[in-house]
Amino acid sequence: MKEMTRIEEEAKLQKRSIDEQAEHWIKIGRAIETSEEFDYEQESQFDDLFNEFPEAGELLKHVQEQLTVAIELTNKTTDAVETMRKGLSSNQKLEGNQ
C-alpha cells in the first residue's frame, strides 16, 4: 500500500485526482521504458550528480523515486490489464456456450 500513499500525497500536491496522478505516472513510466535514450545503467550517474551538486541532490532523489514508482505502477497496471483481459475473454467464452 506504500505506492497508494505516494500517489495520494503527490496527487494532492499536484492538484490531481488519484486516478489522474496514477495515469500521469503510468505515462512517464511507459515513456521511460520505451525511450531509446534511457538506460537503467544511467541510474548510477545520479550518484555522481548528487556529489557534484549537493543542493540539487534532494530534487534529483525525488525525481528518481517518482520515476521508480512510475515504472512499478506501469508494470502493475500492465499485469492488471492483462488479467482483466483474460477474465473478459473467459467470460465471453462462457456466455457463448450458453
Protein backbone atom coordinates (compact mmCIF):
# COMPACT_ATOMS: atom_id res chain seq x y z
CA MET A 1 0.00 0.00 0.00
CA LYS A 2 3.07 2.23 0.08
CA GLU A 3 2.50 3.18 -3.57
CA MET A 4 -1.07 4.31 -2.88
CA THR A 5 0.16 6.64 -0.14
CA ARG A 6 2.69 8.12 -2.56
CA ILE A 7 0.02 8.54 -5.23
CA GLU A 8 -2.34 10.23 -2.78
CA GLU A 9 0.35 12.59 -1.50
CA GLU A 10 1.57 13.53 -4.97
CA ALA A 11 -2.00 13.90 -6.30
CA LYS A 12 -2.77 16.35 -3.53
CA LEU A 13 0.47 18.24 -4.13
CA GLN A 14 -0.12 18.44 -7.90
CA LYS A 15 -3.87 19.13 -7.51
CA ARG A 16 -4.81 15.99 -9.44
CA SER A 17 -7.23 13.23 -8.68
CA ILE A 18 -5.68 9.94 -7.62
CA ASP A 19 -6.65 8.45 -10.99
CA GLU A 20 -5.08 11.37 -12.86
CA GLN A 21 -1.87 11.05 -10.83
CA ALA A 22 -1.62 7.31 -11.43
CA GLU A 23 -2.24 7.82 -15.14
CA HIS A 24 0.41 10.57 -15.21
CA TRP A 25 3.00 8.26 -13.64
CA ILE A 26 2.00 5.42 -15.93
CA LYS A 27 2.62 7.65 -18.95
CA ILE A 28 6.01 8.67 -17.57
CA GLY A 29 6.95 5.06 -16.88
CA ARG A 30 5.87 3.95 -20.34
CA ALA A 31 7.84 6.80 -21.93
CA ILE A 32 10.93 5.86 -19.95
CA GLU A 33 10.71 2.16 -20.72
CA THR A 34 10.21 2.76 -24.43
CA SER A 35 12.81 5.50 -24.72
CA GLU A 36 15.96 4.62 -26.61
CA GLU A 37 17.70 7.37 -24.63
CA PHE A 38 17.13 5.86 -21.18
CA ASP A 39 19.34 3.12 -19.83
CA TYR A 40 18.98 1.63 -16.38
CA GLU A 41 22.74 1.96 -16.02
CA GLN A 42 22.25 5.73 -16.05
CA GLU A 43 20.77 5.39 -12.59
CA SER A 44 24.27 5.21 -11.14
CA GLN A 45 25.02 8.57 -12.73
CA PHE A 46 22.59 10.16 -10.26
CA ASP A 47 25.13 9.45 -7.52
CA ASP A 48 27.73 11.49 -9.37
CA LEU A 49 25.29 14.38 -9.72
CA PHE A 50 24.44 14.23 -6.01
CA ASN A 51 28.12 14.65 -5.19
CA GLU A 52 28.74 17.40 -7.72
CA PHE A 53 25.58 19.41 -6.93
CA PRO A 54 24.58 18.68 -3.32
CA GLU A 55 21.87 21.35 -3.35
CA ALA A 56 20.15 19.55 -6.22
CA GLY A 57 20.56 16.14 -4.62
CA GLU A 58 17.18 16.14 -2.91
CA LEU A 59 15.39 17.19 -6.08
CA LEU A 60 17.16 14.55 -8.13
CA LYS A 61 16.44 11.95 -5.47
CA HIS A 62 12.76 12.89 -5.55
CA VAL A 63 12.64 12.64 -9.35
CA GLN A 64 14.36 9.26 -9.24
CA GLU A 65 11.87 8.00 -6.65
CA GLN A 66 8.96 9.24 -8.75
CA LEU A 67 10.31 7.52 -11.84
CA THR A 68 10.81 4.29 -9.93
CA VAL A 69 7.23 4.43 -8.69
CA ALA A 70 6.00 5.20 -12.20
CA ILE A 71 7.80 2.17 -13.60
CA GLU A 72 6.43 -0.05 -10.81
CA LEU A 73 2.90 1.24 -11.41
CA THR A 74 3.25 0.73 -15.15
CA ASN A 75 4.23 -2.88 -14.59
CA LYS A 76 1.41 -3.48 -12.10
CA THR A 77 -1.13 -1.80 -14.38
CA THR A 78 0.02 -3.85 -17.35
CA ASP A 79 -0.35 -7.03 -15.29
CA ALA A 80 -3.81 -5.97 -14.06
CA VAL A 81 -5.00 -5.12 -17.57
CA GLU A 82 -3.78 -8.48 -18.85
CA THR A 83 -5.58 -10.26 -16.01
CA MET A 84 -8.79 -8.34 -16.78
CA ARG A 85 -8.49 -9.17 -20.48
CA LYS A 86 -8.10 -12.84 -19.68
CA GLY A 87 -11.10 -12.65 -17.36
CA LEU A 88 -13.21 -10.92 -20.00
CA SER A 89 -12.14 -13.44 -22.60
CA SER A 90 -13.11 -16.30 -20.26
CA ASN A 91 -16.49 -14.70 -19.52
CA GLN A 92 -17.20 -14.25 -23.22
CA LYS A 93 -16.41 -17.89 -23.86
CA LEU A 94 -18.74 -18.91 -21.02
CA GLU A 95 -21.54 -16.72 -22.37
CA GLY A 96 -21.03 -18.13 -25.84
CA ASN A 97 -21.51 -21.68 -24.55
CA GLN A 98 -24.90 -20.93 -23.03
